[in-house]
Protein backbone atom coordinates (compact mmCIF):
# COMPACT_ATOMS: atom_id res chain seq x y z
CA MET A 1 -0.05 0.11 0.12
CA ASN A 2 1.01 3.33 -1.08
CA VAL A 3 1.05 5.79 2.31
CA ASP A 4 -0.28 9.36 1.79
CA PHE A 5 1.14 10.83 4.70
CA LYS A 6 -1.18 13.82 4.74
CA ILE A 7 -3.73 11.38 5.35
CA ILE A 8 -1.55 10.03 8.03
CA ARG A 9 -1.31 13.32 9.86
CA GLU A 10 -5.08 14.14 9.27
CA LEU A 11 -5.85 10.78 11.09
CA LEU A 12 -3.08 11.25 13.95
CA ALA A 13 -4.31 14.91 14.39
CA SER A 14 -7.99 13.93 14.70
CA LEU A 15 -7.53 11.14 17.01
CA ALA A 16 -5.11 13.52 19.22
CA THR A 17 -7.79 15.86 19.79
CA ALA A 18 -10.85 13.51 19.85
CA GLU A 19 -12.64 13.20 23.02
CA PRO A 20 -12.13 10.00 24.53
CA ILE A 21 -15.56 8.45 23.10
CA ALA A 22 -16.34 4.93 21.58
CA GLN A 23 -15.52 5.11 17.82
CA SER A 24 -15.96 2.33 15.36
CA PHE A 25 -14.19 2.18 11.95
CA ARG A 26 -15.08 -0.43 9.67
CA HIS A 27 -14.43 -1.66 6.04
CA VAL A 28 -17.47 -2.98 4.12
CA ARG A 29 -18.02 -3.87 0.93
CA GLY A 30 -19.09 -0.92 -1.40
CA MET A 31 -17.86 2.00 0.88
CA PRO A 32 -16.94 5.07 -1.05
CA LEU A 33 -13.10 5.12 -2.20
CA GLN A 34 -11.93 7.85 -0.23
CA GLU A 35 -13.44 6.22 3.01
CA GLU A 36 -11.71 3.09 2.01
CA ILE A 37 -8.27 4.88 1.53
CA ARG A 38 -8.76 6.49 5.27
CA PHE A 39 -9.60 3.04 6.79
CA ASP A 40 -6.74 1.39 5.11
CA HIS A 41 -4.34 4.09 6.63
CA LEU A 42 -5.81 3.59 9.97
CA VAL A 43 -5.10 -0.09 9.80
CA ALA A 44 -1.53 0.49 8.56
CA LEU A 45 -1.12 2.73 11.63
CA TYR A 46 -2.76 0.11 13.98
CA GLU A 47 -0.47 -2.55 12.40
CA ASN A 48 2.86 -0.39 12.91
CA GLY A 49 2.03 0.23 16.50
CA LEU A 50 1.18 3.87 15.82
CA VAL A 51 -2.34 3.72 16.93
CA ASP A 52 -3.79 1.22 19.62
CA ALA A 53 -7.65 -0.18 19.07
CA ARG A 54 -9.75 -3.07 19.67
CA ASP A 55 -9.82 -5.32 16.42
CA THR A 56 -13.43 -6.48 16.29
CA SER A 57 -12.94 -7.88 13.01
CA ASP A 58 -14.86 -11.28 12.06
CA GLU A 59 -15.09 -13.27 8.70
CA ARG A 60 -17.39 -10.62 7.18
CA LYS A 61 -15.80 -7.29 7.95
CA ARG A 62 -12.61 -5.62 9.47
CA GLU A 63 -13.21 -3.48 12.27
CA LEU A 64 -11.40 -1.01 14.65
CA THR A 65 -13.01 0.16 17.73
CA ASP A 66 -11.89 2.96 20.17
CA PRO A 67 -8.63 3.93 18.46
CA VAL A 68 -5.95 6.10 20.47
CA LEU A 69 -2.70 7.29 19.58
CA THR A 70 0.22 5.45 21.21
CA VAL A 71 3.36 7.14 22.18
CA ASP A 72 4.99 6.16 18.94
CA GLY A 73 1.97 7.80 17.27
CA GLN A 74 2.05 11.09 18.79
CA ASP A 75 5.90 11.42 18.19
CA LEU A 76 4.83 10.62 14.41
CA LEU A 77 2.31 13.40 14.66
CA ASP A 78 4.94 15.74 16.21
CA ALA A 79 7.29 15.08 13.32
CA LEU A 80 4.55 15.52 10.71
CA ARG A 81 3.54 18.73 12.14
CA SER A 82 6.96 20.15 11.66
CA GLU A 83 7.72 21.21 8.41
CA SER A 84 11.43 21.13 9.08
CA ARG A 85 11.44 17.68 10.72
CA TRP A 86 9.44 16.14 8.03
CA ALA A 87 11.61 17.44 5.54
CA GLU A 88 14.54 16.26 7.32
CA ILE A 89 12.98 12.80 7.38
CA GLN A 90 12.10 12.78 3.91
CA ARG A 91 15.79 13.61 3.02
CA HIS A 92 17.31 10.79 5.56
CA VAL A 93 14.99 8.46 4.12
CA GLY A 94 15.65 9.16 0.21
CA GLN A 95 19.46 9.10 1.20
CA SER A 96 19.19 5.98 2.65
CA GLY A 97 17.46 4.31 -0.23
CA SER A 98 14.89 3.12 1.92
CA PRO A 99 11.08 3.09 0.97
CA LEU A 100 9.28 6.21 2.46
CA ASP A 101 6.61 4.14 4.55
CA LEU A 102 5.50 3.87 8.01
CA LYS A 103 8.09 1.22 9.34
CA THR A 104 10.97 3.41 8.09
CA VAL A 105 9.61 6.70 8.98
CA LYS A 106 8.38 5.30 12.61
CA ALA A 107 12.23 4.02 13.10
CA TYR A 108 13.74 7.09 11.90
CA VAL A 109 11.59 9.29 14.40
CA ALA A 110 12.48 6.82 17.24
CA GLN A 111 16.15 7.26 16.52
CA ALA A 112 15.71 10.92 16.20
CA ILE A 113 14.23 10.98 19.52
CA THR A 114 15.50 7.93 21.63
CA GLY A 115 18.77 6.80 19.66
CA GLY A 116 16.62 3.90 18.21
CA PHE A 117 15.52 2.55 21.42
CA ASN A 118 11.79 2.37 20.37
CA ALA A 119 12.11 1.46 16.85
């Protein structure tokens, strides 16, 4: 999946400012493409440890309930909000030859903060 970091930033920001209320995000057949793309990005955040949620999926649907930011998710949001930090991440990843994906960006943000301890 190609990651759109604008969508990632919007999702993280919405979770950071949301009141702690029960929310459920599900993938259903025939949903509008934009909603499907946002859901796929939320799943990627969950699978990469940037968002915690209850996975209430079953054989008919994929569903994440009560998503919240993890510490790593907050760190990524902080990096994405800073134009200079985001430019530095893009430059570093580009020079390393690694793909610009969530795993690589998460590792770089962790390294910049803690010397790689959380990567």
